[in-house]
Amino acid sequence: MREIASFQEPVRHRTLSLCLLDVKEIEVPHFQRDLSETLKERLKTAIEKLGFLVPIIVVQREGKFYVIDGQHRFFALRELGVDEILAIVVGEELYHYFLELNTEKPPNVKEKSKQAYRLYMELFKENDSQLEEDLIDYFEKPEYITLGFTIEELEPKFSASFYESFVSKIDKFLRLPLSSAVEERRNRAKALFELNRLVNEKYAEFGWDNALMKGEIIRKAVQKAYGMRVRVIADDFYTAIEKVKSACESLSPEDFESGLSLE
């Protein structure tokens, strides 16, 4: 590490360091989102044309520097054969806040959910006695945790965006230690997986060939169970899932002729 300058950022007034780091000193946390080859290649082209203008952000932890913002820039620069990378080094207390620092490309619902799951499991391994509700600063929304468990442990192709609106109305942060909360999240993911299985069966029954219609099935099932433009669902997580499953099973093609929508 070669420090170029230190400065105080203007909001929280933390003292930060602008450094040149050897690429061999840098690691990417395993809970970062999956690398997008398309974005990486686009960044390589931009860097070759314009230069490297935006430093990555890293945390020094256990003798290594971990990227918490800029992994695509890091990989792009490394593949261009650059030996040193310009980086801002921030305090270790920001290590778990990477979800709020996705500046290269806003992640979609599936990416957010996978990242939430990976961070959740990291926190679980570090200290399984901490309460889940005490970790809300690390997660944008509780439903991303449940959706992440569904994707990462049950169905990699699970279309999280189809379920985000519904799950947001029935999920919340748990007042449980992570040792118990992790099993509750798994149970919620299993319930969601079963609902998705019914949606897939109904999709096949209708003989449709546009996968986006699976999202219409779940929206119509929620509408049938709770009414149009529902904003709040008072039922607990599992009761709501069961009601929507029942509504899904009763759907027919005629239910889609009116073009009604929840949103």
C-alpha atoms as a PDB file:
ATOM      1  CA  MET A   1       0.000   0.000   0.000  1.00  0.00           C
ATOM      2  CA  ARG A   2       1.233   3.462  -0.885  1.00  0.00           C
ATOM      3  CA  GLU A   3      -0.760   6.329   0.628  1.00  0.00           C
ATOM      4  CA  ILE A   4      -1.155   9.347  -1.635  1.00  0.00           C
ATOM      5  CA  ALA A   5      -3.232  11.533   0.648  1.00  0.00           C
ATOM      6  CA  SER A   6      -5.592  11.516   3.599  1.00  0.00           C
ATOM      7  CA  PHE A   7      -8.776  13.560   3.720  1.00  0.00           C
ATOM      8  CA  GLN A   8     -11.959  14.034   5.697  1.00  0.00           C
ATOM      9  CA  GLU A   9     -15.205  13.185   3.957  1.00  0.00           C
ATOM     10  CA  PRO A  10     -17.756  16.008   4.409  1.00  0.00           C
ATOM     11  CA  VAL A  11     -20.797  14.182   5.836  1.00  0.00           C
ATOM     12  CA  ARG A  12     -19.654  11.895   8.667  1.00  0.00           C
ATOM     13  CA  HIS A  13     -16.244  13.601   8.888  1.00  0.00           C
ATOM     14  CA  ARG A  14     -14.330  10.316   8.783  1.00  0.00           C
ATOM     15  CA  THR A  15     -10.655  10.466   7.931  1.00  0.00           C
ATOM     16  CA  LEU A  16     -10.036   8.382   4.817  1.00  0.00           C
ATOM     17  CA  SER A  17      -6.929   7.463   2.824  1.00  0.00           C
ATOM     18  CA  LEU A  18      -6.415   7.638  -0.925  1.00  0.00           C
ATOM     19  CA  CYS A  19      -3.919   4.903  -1.768  1.00  0.00           C
ATOM     20  CA  LEU A  20      -2.308   2.957  -4.562  1.00  0.00           C
ATOM     21  CA  LEU A  21      -2.692  -0.757  -3.866  1.00  0.00           C
ATOM     22  CA  ASP A  22      -0.992  -3.673  -5.533  1.00  0.00           C
ATOM     23  CA  VAL A  23      -3.662  -5.820  -7.183  1.00  0.00           C
ATOM     24  CA  LYS A  24      -2.294  -8.808  -5.271  1.00  0.00           C
ATOM     25  CA  GLU A  25      -3.259  -7.121  -2.007  1.00  0.00           C
ATOM     26  CA  ILE A  26      -6.937  -6.937  -2.950  1.00  0.00           C
ATOM     27  CA  GLU A  27      -9.671  -9.518  -2.303  1.00  0.00           C
ATOM     28  CA  VAL A  28     -13.379  -9.567  -3.161  1.00  0.00           C
ATOM     29  CA  PRO A  29     -15.678 -10.675  -0.294  1.00  0.00           C
ATOM     30  CA  HIS A  30     -17.520 -13.870  -1.150  1.00  0.00           C
ATOM     31  CA  PHE A  31     -20.845 -12.185  -0.393  1.00  0.00           C
ATOM     32  CA  GLN A  32     -20.448  -9.638  -3.189  1.00  0.00           C
ATOM     33  CA  ARG A  33     -22.889  -9.979  -6.064  1.00  0.00           C
ATOM     34  CA  ASP A  34     -22.079 -12.195  -9.032  1.00  0.00           C
ATOM     35  CA  LEU A  35     -19.733 -10.660 -11.551  1.00  0.00           C
ATOM     36  CA  SER A  36     -21.373  -9.337 -14.712  1.00  0.00           C
ATOM     37  CA  GLU A  37     -19.118 -10.087 -17.662  1.00  0.00           C
ATOM     38  CA  THR A  38     -21.001  -7.551 -19.791  1.00  0.00           C
ATOM     39  CA  LEU A  39     -20.469  -4.746 -17.288  1.00  0.00           C
ATOM     40  CA  LYS A  40     -16.829  -5.712 -16.781  1.00  0.00           C
ATOM     41  CA  GLU A  41     -16.120  -5.630 -20.525  1.00  0.00           C
ATOM     42  CA  ARG A  42     -17.899  -2.288 -20.886  1.00  0.00           C
ATOM     43  CA  LEU A  43     -15.786  -0.862 -18.074  1.00  0.00           C
ATOM     44  CA  LYS A  44     -12.604  -2.182 -19.699  1.00  0.00           C
ATOM     45  CA  THR A  45     -13.490  -0.312 -22.864  1.00  0.00           C
ATOM     46  CA  ALA A  46     -14.283   2.885 -20.936  1.00  0.00           C
ATOM     47  CA  ILE A  47     -11.078   2.691 -18.884  1.00  0.00           C
ATOM     48  CA  GLU A  48      -8.943   2.164 -21.997  1.00  0.00           C
ATOM     49  CA  LYS A  49     -10.597   5.188 -23.591  1.00  0.00           C
ATOM     50  CA  LEU A  50     -10.803   7.575 -20.623  1.00  0.00           C
ATOM     51  CA  GLY A  51      -8.433   6.228 -17.986  1.00  0.00           C
ATOM     52  CA  PHE A  52      -9.197   5.054 -14.452  1.00  0.00           C
ATOM     53  CA  LEU A  53     -11.064   8.007 -12.959  1.00  0.00           C
ATOM     54  CA  VAL A  54     -13.145   6.561 -10.103  1.00  0.00           C
ATOM     55  CA  PRO A  55     -11.257   4.820  -7.259  1.00  0.00           C
ATOM     56  CA  ILE A  56     -12.580   1.596  -5.802  1.00  0.00           C
ATOM     57  CA  ILE A  57     -13.503   1.544  -2.110  1.00  0.00           C
ATOM     58  CA  VAL A  58     -11.838  -1.029   0.141  1.00  0.00           C
ATOM     59  CA  VAL A  59     -11.751  -2.057   3.779  1.00  0.00           C
ATOM     60  CA  GLN A  60      -8.547  -3.246   5.417  1.00  0.00           C
ATOM     61  CA  ARG A  61      -9.369  -6.392   7.344  1.00  0.00           C
ATOM     62  CA  GLU A  62      -7.179  -9.169   8.686  1.00  0.00           C
ATOM     63  CA  GLY A  63      -4.204  -7.983   6.684  1.00  0.00           C
ATOM     64  CA  LYS A  64      -6.034  -7.779   3.356  1.00  0.00           C
ATOM     65  CA  PHE A  65      -7.966  -5.145   1.430  1.00  0.00           C
ATOM     66  CA  TYR A  66     -11.551  -6.133   0.576  1.00  0.00           C
ATOM     67  CA  VAL A  67     -13.523  -4.401  -2.174  1.00  0.00           C
ATOM     68  CA  ILE A  68     -16.854  -3.115  -0.876  1.00  0.00           C
ATOM     69  CA  ASP A  69     -17.552  -0.936  -3.909  1.00  0.00           C
ATOM     70  CA  GLY A  70     -16.025  -1.343  -7.366  1.00  0.00           C
ATOM     71  CA  GLN A  71     -15.453  -5.052  -7.907  1.00  0.00           C
ATOM     72  CA  HIS A  72     -16.211  -4.700 -11.623  1.00  0.00           C
ATOM     73  CA  ARG A  73     -13.704  -1.865 -11.930  1.00  0.00           C
ATOM     74  CA  PHE A  74     -11.194  -3.983 -10.015  1.00  0.00           C
ATOM     75  CA  PHE A  75     -11.549  -7.001 -12.313  1.00  0.00           C
ATOM     76  CA  ALA A  76     -11.601  -4.802 -15.423  1.00  0.00           C
ATOM     77  CA  LEU A  77      -8.395  -3.068 -14.398  1.00  0.00           C
ATOM     78  CA  ARG A  78      -6.712  -6.337 -13.422  1.00  0.00           C
ATOM     79  CA  GLU A  79      -7.538  -7.881 -16.791  1.00  0.00           C
ATOM     80  CA  LEU A  80      -6.041  -4.834 -18.500  1.00  0.00           C
ATOM     81  CA  GLY A  81      -2.766  -5.793 -16.855  1.00  0.00           C
ATOM     82  CA  VAL A  82      -2.525  -2.896 -14.410  1.00  0.00           C
ATOM     83  CA  ASP A  83      -0.382  -3.670 -11.354  1.00  0.00           C
ATOM     84  CA  GLU A  84      -1.633  -0.910  -9.035  1.00  0.00           C
ATOM     85  CA  ILE A  85      -5.156   0.322  -8.376  1.00  0.00           C
ATOM     86  CA  LEU A  86      -6.290   3.642  -6.967  1.00  0.00           C
ATOM     87  CA  ALA A  87      -8.456   3.028  -3.905  1.00  0.00           C
ATOM     88  CA  ILE A  88     -10.090   4.832  -1.014  1.00  0.00           C
ATOM     89  CA  VAL A  89      -9.472   2.932   2.210  1.00  0.00           C
ATOM     90  CA  VAL A  90     -12.337   3.191   4.712  1.00  0.00           C
ATOM     91  CA  GLY A  91     -12.759   1.858   8.241  1.00  0.00           C
ATOM     92  CA  GLU A  92     -13.467  -1.794   8.938  1.00  0.00           C
ATOM     93  CA  GLU A  93     -16.822  -0.844  10.474  1.00  0.00           C
ATOM     94  CA  LEU A  94     -18.148  -0.370   6.916  1.00  0.00           C
ATOM     95  CA  TYR A  95     -17.274  -3.917   5.829  1.00  0.00           C
ATOM     96  CA  HIS A  96     -20.864  -5.183   6.000  1.00  0.00           C
ATOM     97  CA  TYR A  97     -22.437  -2.105   4.414  1.00  0.00           C
ATOM     98  CA  PHE A  98     -21.573  -3.007   0.836  1.00  0.00           C
ATOM     99  CA  LEU A  99     -25.257  -3.345  -0.125  1.00  0.00           C
ATOM    100  CA  GLU A 100     -25.582   0.444   0.081  1.00  0.00           C
ATOM    101  CA  LEU A 101     -22.515   1.091  -2.083  1.00  0.00           C
ATOM    102  CA  ASN A 102     -23.500  -0.455  -5.422  1.00  0.00           C
ATOM    103  CA  THR A 103     -22.606   2.521  -7.603  1.00  0.00           C
ATOM    104  CA  GLU A 104     -21.419   0.761 -10.764  1.00  0.00           C
ATOM    105  CA  LYS A 105     -24.828  -0.624 -11.673  1.00  0.00           C
ATOM    106  CA  PRO A 106     -27.946  -0.721  -9.505  1.00  0.00           C
ATOM    107  CA  PRO A 107     -28.650  -4.382  -8.701  1.00  0.00           C
ATOM    108  CA  ASN A 108     -31.992  -5.919  -9.628  1.00  0.00           C
ATOM    109  CA  VAL A 109     -34.237  -7.752  -7.148  1.00  0.00           C
ATOM    110  CA  LYS A 110     -32.558 -11.102  -7.726  1.00  0.00           C
ATOM    111  CA  GLU A 111     -29.077  -9.643  -7.233  1.00  0.00           C
ATOM    112  CA  LYS A 112     -30.167  -7.793  -4.091  1.00  0.00           C
ATOM    113  CA  SER A 113     -31.670 -11.001  -2.725  1.00  0.00           C
ATOM    114  CA  LYS A 114     -28.584 -13.094  -3.398  1.00  0.00           C
ATOM    115  CA  GLN A 115     -26.371 -10.473  -1.803  1.00  0.00           C
ATOM    116  CA  ALA A 116     -28.682 -10.238   1.214  1.00  0.00           C
ATOM    117  CA  TYR A 117     -28.485 -14.006   1.688  1.00  0.00           C
ATOM    118  CA  ARG A 118     -24.694 -14.062   1.445  1.00  0.00           C
ATOM    119  CA  LEU A 119     -24.306 -11.217   3.917  1.00  0.00           C
ATOM    120  CA  TYR A 120     -26.859 -12.837   6.243  1.00  0.00           C
ATOM    121  CA  MET A 121     -24.919 -16.092   6.321  1.00  0.00           C
ATOM    122  CA  GLU A 122     -21.675 -14.202   6.904  1.00  0.00           C
ATOM    123  CA  LEU A 123     -23.204 -12.455   9.919  1.00  0.00           C
ATOM    124  CA  PHE A 124     -24.647 -15.762  11.122  1.00  0.00           C
ATOM    125  CA  LYS A 125     -21.232 -17.400  11.025  1.00  0.00           C
ATOM    126  CA  GLU A 126     -19.615 -14.471  12.819  1.00  0.00           C
ATOM    127  CA  ASN A 127     -22.102 -14.353  15.692  1.00  0.00           C
ATOM    128  CA  ASP A 128     -25.254 -16.462  15.687  1.00  0.00           C
ATOM    129  CA  SER A 129     -26.493 -14.983  18.976  1.00  0.00           C
ATOM    130  CA  GLN A 130     -27.149 -11.488  17.602  1.00  0.00           C
ATOM    131  CA  LEU A 131     -30.799 -10.630  16.975  1.00  0.00           C
ATOM    132  CA  GLU A 132     -31.871 -10.379  13.363  1.00  0.00           C
ATOM    133  CA  GLU A 133     -33.837  -7.178  14.018  1.00  0.00           C
ATOM    134  CA  ASP A 134     -30.655  -5.550  15.316  1.00  0.00           C
ATOM    135  CA  LEU A 135     -29.103  -5.956  11.860  1.00  0.00           C
ATOM    136  CA  ILE A 136     -31.622  -3.890   9.924  1.00  0.00           C
ATOM    137  CA  ASP A 137     -28.987  -1.284   9.031  1.00  0.00           C
ATOM    138  CA  TYR A 138     -27.249  -3.905   6.884  1.00  0.00           C
ATOM    139  CA  PHE A 139     -30.309  -4.861   4.821  1.00  0.00           C
ATOM    140  CA  GLU A 140     -32.510  -2.738   2.607  1.00  0.00           C
ATOM    141  CA  LYS A 141     -35.641  -4.856   3.143  1.00  0.00           C
ATOM    142  CA  PRO A 142     -36.427  -8.095   5.036  1.00  0.00           C
ATOM    143  CA  GLU A 143     -38.070  -9.715   2.024  1.00  0.00           C
ATOM    144  CA  TYR A 144     -34.733  -9.758   0.219  1.00  0.00           C
ATOM    145  CA  ILE A 145     -33.448 -12.141   2.887  1.00  0.00           C
ATOM    146  CA  THR A 146     -36.289 -14.619   2.349  1.00  0.00           C
ATOM    147  CA  LEU A 147     -36.068 -14.298  -1.430  1.00  0.00           C
ATOM    148  CA  GLY A 148     -32.319 -14.853  -1.164  1.00  0.00           C
ATOM    149  CA  PHE A 149     -32.764 -18.069   0.805  1.00  0.00           C
ATOM    150  CA  THR A 150     -35.196 -19.272  -1.861  1.00  0.00           C
ATOM    151  CA  ILE A 151     -32.737 -18.568  -4.678  1.00  0.00           C
ATOM    152  CA  GLU A 152     -29.523 -19.709  -3.028  1.00  0.00           C
ATOM    153  CA  GLU A 153     -30.775 -22.809  -1.222  1.00  0.00           C
ATOM    154  CA  LEU A 154     -33.777 -24.019  -3.226  1.00  0.00           C
ATOM    155  CA  GLU A 155     -34.162 -22.648  -6.756  1.00  0.00           C
ATOM    156  CA  PRO A 156     -31.412 -20.684  -8.537  1.00  0.00           C
ATOM    157  CA  LYS A 157     -33.836 -19.718 -11.325  1.00  0.00           C
ATOM    158  CA  PHE A 158     -36.485 -18.401  -8.921  1.00  0.00           C
ATOM    159  CA  SER A 159     -37.950 -15.159 -10.319  1.00  0.00           C
ATOM    160  CA  ALA A 160     -37.680 -12.976  -7.232  1.00  0.00           C
ATOM    161  CA  SER A 161     -39.083  -9.886  -8.938  1.00  0.00           C
ATOM    162  CA  PHE A 162     -42.454 -11.615  -9.428  1.00  0.00           C
ATOM    163  CA  TYR A 163     -42.808 -12.075  -5.670  1.00  0.00           C
ATOM    164  CA  GLU A 164     -41.237  -8.898  -4.285  1.00  0.00           C
ATOM    165  CA  SER A 165     -44.480  -6.919  -3.972  1.00  0.00           C
ATOM    166  CA  PHE A 166     -46.384  -9.738  -2.251  1.00  0.00           C
ATOM    167  CA  VAL A 167     -43.606 -10.807   0.106  1.00  0.00           C
ATOM    168  CA  SER A 168     -42.954  -7.187   1.116  1.00  0.00           C
ATOM    169  CA  LYS A 169     -46.474  -7.116   2.590  1.00  0.00           C
ATOM    170  CA  ILE A 170     -46.001 -10.194   4.805  1.00  0.00           C
ATOM    171  CA  ASP A 171     -42.310 -10.304   5.711  1.00  0.00           C
ATOM    172  CA  LYS A 172     -40.503  -8.411   8.465  1.00  0.00           C
ATOM    173  CA  PHE A 173     -37.289  -8.497  10.458  1.00  0.00           C
ATOM    174  CA  LEU A 174     -37.402 -11.172  13.129  1.00  0.00           C
ATOM    175  CA  ARG A 175     -36.996 -10.721  16.853  1.00  0.00           C
ATOM    176  CA  LEU A 176     -34.930 -13.893  16.994  1.00  0.00           C
ATOM    177  CA  PRO A 177     -31.227 -14.699  17.375  1.00  0.00           C
ATOM    178  CA  LEU A 178     -29.685 -15.679  14.071  1.00  0.00           C
ATOM    179  CA  SER A 179     -29.302 -19.261  15.344  1.00  0.00           C
ATOM    180  CA  SER A 180     -33.119 -19.519  15.228  1.00  0.00           C
ATOM    181  CA  ALA A 181     -33.827 -16.896  12.589  1.00  0.00           C
ATOM    182  CA  VAL A 182     -31.836 -18.750   9.941  1.00  0.00           C
ATOM    183  CA  GLU A 183     -34.167 -21.753  10.257  1.00  0.00           C
ATOM    184  CA  GLU A 184     -37.222 -19.515  10.141  1.00  0.00           C
ATOM    185  CA  ARG A 185     -35.895 -17.940   6.946  1.00  0.00           C
ATOM    186  CA  ARG A 186     -35.413 -21.411   5.487  1.00  0.00           C
ATOM    187  CA  ASN A 187     -38.996 -22.319   6.366  1.00  0.00           C
ATOM    188  CA  ARG A 188     -40.290 -19.148   4.759  1.00  0.00           C
ATOM    189  CA  ALA A 189     -38.234 -19.880   1.669  1.00  0.00           C
ATOM    190  CA  LYS A 190     -39.716 -23.400   1.505  1.00  0.00           C
ATOM    191  CA  ALA A 191     -43.244 -21.988   1.715  1.00  0.00           C
ATOM    192  CA  LEU A 192     -42.427 -19.546  -1.075  1.00  0.00           C
ATOM    193  CA  PHE A 193     -40.876 -22.331  -3.121  1.00  0.00           C
ATOM    194  CA  GLU A 194     -44.098 -24.356  -2.846  1.00  0.00           C
ATOM    195  CA  LEU A 195     -46.147 -21.370  -3.953  1.00  0.00           C
ATOM    196  CA  ASN A 196     -43.841 -20.959  -6.932  1.00  0.00           C
ATOM    197  CA  ARG A 197     -44.296 -24.648  -7.774  1.00  0.00           C
ATOM    198  CA  LEU A 198     -48.054 -24.086  -7.993  1.00  0.00           C
ATOM    199  CA  VAL A 199     -47.525 -21.014 -10.167  1.00  0.00           C
ATOM    200  CA  ASN A 200     -45.394 -23.099 -12.544  1.00  0.00           C
ATOM    201  CA  GLU A 201     -48.044 -25.814 -12.649  1.00  0.00           C
ATOM    202  CA  LYS A 202     -50.765 -23.280 -13.431  1.00  0.00           C
ATOM    203  CA  TYR A 203     -48.570 -21.727 -16.140  1.00  0.00           C
ATOM    204  CA  ALA A 204     -48.138 -25.167 -17.740  1.00  0.00           C
ATOM    205  CA  GLU A 205     -51.858 -25.876 -17.423  1.00  0.00           C
ATOM    206  CA  PHE A 206     -52.698 -22.689 -19.318  1.00  0.00           C
ATOM    207  CA  GLY A 207     -50.228 -23.616 -22.061  1.00  0.00           C
ATOM    208  CA  TRP A 208     -48.590 -20.205 -22.083  1.00  0.00           C
ATOM    209  CA  ASP A 209     -45.143 -19.643 -23.577  1.00  0.00           C
ATOM    210  CA  ASN A 210     -44.268 -16.203 -22.177  1.00  0.00           C
ATOM    211  CA  ALA A 211     -42.490 -16.597 -18.844  1.00  0.00           C
ATOM    212  CA  LEU A 212     -43.524 -13.075 -17.811  1.00  0.00           C
ATOM    213  CA  MET A 213     -47.045 -14.435 -17.421  1.00  0.00           C
ATOM    214  CA  LYS A 214     -45.889 -16.245 -14.287  1.00  0.00           C
ATOM    215  CA  GLY A 215     -45.692 -12.832 -12.713  1.00  0.00           C
ATOM    216  CA  GLU A 216     -49.267 -12.180 -13.819  1.00  0.00           C
ATOM    217  CA  ILE A 217     -50.360 -15.444 -12.181  1.00  0.00           C
ATOM    218  CA  ILE A 218     -48.916 -14.497  -8.809  1.00  0.00           C
ATOM    219  CA  ARG A 219     -50.358 -10.970  -9.037  1.00  0.00           C
ATOM    220  CA  LYS A 220     -53.780 -12.323  -9.930  1.00  0.00           C
ATOM    221  CA  ALA A 221     -53.649 -14.905  -7.134  1.00  0.00           C
ATOM    222  CA  VAL A 222     -52.824 -12.214  -4.546  1.00  0.00           C
ATOM    223  CA  GLN A 223     -55.607 -10.057  -5.974  1.00  0.00           C
ATOM    224  CA  LYS A 224     -58.067 -12.914  -5.725  1.00  0.00           C
ATOM    225  CA  ALA A 225     -57.047 -13.660  -2.134  1.00  0.00           C
ATOM    226  CA  TYR A 226     -56.871 -10.075  -0.832  1.00  0.00           C
ATOM    227  CA  GLY A 227     -58.593  -7.791  -3.311  1.00  0.00           C
ATOM    228  CA  MET A 228     -57.396  -5.267  -5.847  1.00  0.00           C
ATOM    229  CA  ARG A 229     -54.681  -2.769  -4.977  1.00  0.00           C
ATOM    230  CA  VAL A 230     -54.042  -4.364  -1.606  1.00  0.00           C
ATOM    231  CA  ARG A 231     -51.522  -2.316   0.388  1.00  0.00           C
ATOM    232  CA  VAL A 232     -51.469  -4.139   3.709  1.00  0.00           C
ATOM    233  CA  ILE A 233     -51.894  -7.830   4.524  1.00  0.00           C
ATOM    234  CA  ALA A 234     -52.655  -8.487   8.193  1.00  0.00           C
ATOM    235  CA  ASP A 235     -52.250 -12.268   7.992  1.00  0.00           C
ATOM    236  CA  ASP A 236     -49.005 -13.827   9.158  1.00  0.00           C
ATOM    237  CA  PHE A 237     -46.498 -15.048   6.584  1.00  0.00           C
ATOM    238  CA  TYR A 238     -47.665 -18.665   6.337  1.00  0.00           C
ATOM    239  CA  THR A 239     -51.408 -17.912   6.409  1.00  0.00           C
ATOM    240  CA  ALA A 240     -50.941 -15.435   3.580  1.00  0.00           C
ATOM    241  CA  ILE A 241     -48.955 -17.965   1.553  1.00  0.00           C
ATOM    242  CA  GLU A 242     -51.664 -20.594   2.005  1.00  0.00           C
ATOM    243  CA  LYS A 243     -54.434 -18.195   0.976  1.00  0.00           C
ATOM    244  CA  VAL A 244     -52.539 -17.195  -2.155  1.00  0.00           C
ATOM    245  CA  LYS A 245     -51.802 -20.845  -2.963  1.00  0.00           C
ATOM    246  CA  SER A 246     -55.514 -21.621  -2.718  1.00  0.00           C
ATOM    247  CA  ALA A 247     -56.327 -18.650  -4.926  1.00  0.00           C
ATOM    248  CA  CYS A 248     -53.684 -19.745  -7.427  1.00  0.00           C
ATOM    249  CA  GLU A 249     -55.171 -23.240  -7.667  1.00  0.00           C
ATOM    250  CA  SER A 250     -58.588 -21.757  -8.465  1.00  0.00           C
ATOM    251  CA  LEU A 251     -57.398 -19.517 -11.295  1.00  0.00           C
ATOM    252  CA  SER A 252     -58.664 -20.044 -14.823  1.00  0.00           C
ATOM    253  CA  PRO A 253     -57.842 -18.304 -18.115  1.00  0.00           C
ATOM    254  CA  GLU A 254     -61.034 -16.262 -17.718  1.00  0.00           C
ATOM    255  CA  ASP A 255     -59.510 -14.528 -14.697  1.00  0.00           C
ATOM    256  CA  PHE A 256     -57.013 -12.829 -17.001  1.00  0.00           C
ATOM    257  CA  GLU A 257     -59.459 -11.529 -19.590  1.00  0.00           C
ATOM    258  CA  SER A 258     -60.273  -8.351 -17.643  1.00  0.00           C
ATOM    259  CA  GLY A 259     -56.641  -7.221 -17.522  1.00  0.00           C
ATOM    260  CA  LEU A 260     -56.940  -6.423 -13.804  1.00  0.00           C
ATOM    261  CA  SER A 261     -53.705  -5.842 -11.926  1.00  0.00           C
ATOM    262  CA  LEU A 262     -52.652  -5.393  -8.325  1.00  0.00           C
ATOM    263  CA  GLU A 263     -50.343  -2.509  -9.023  1.00  0.00           C
END
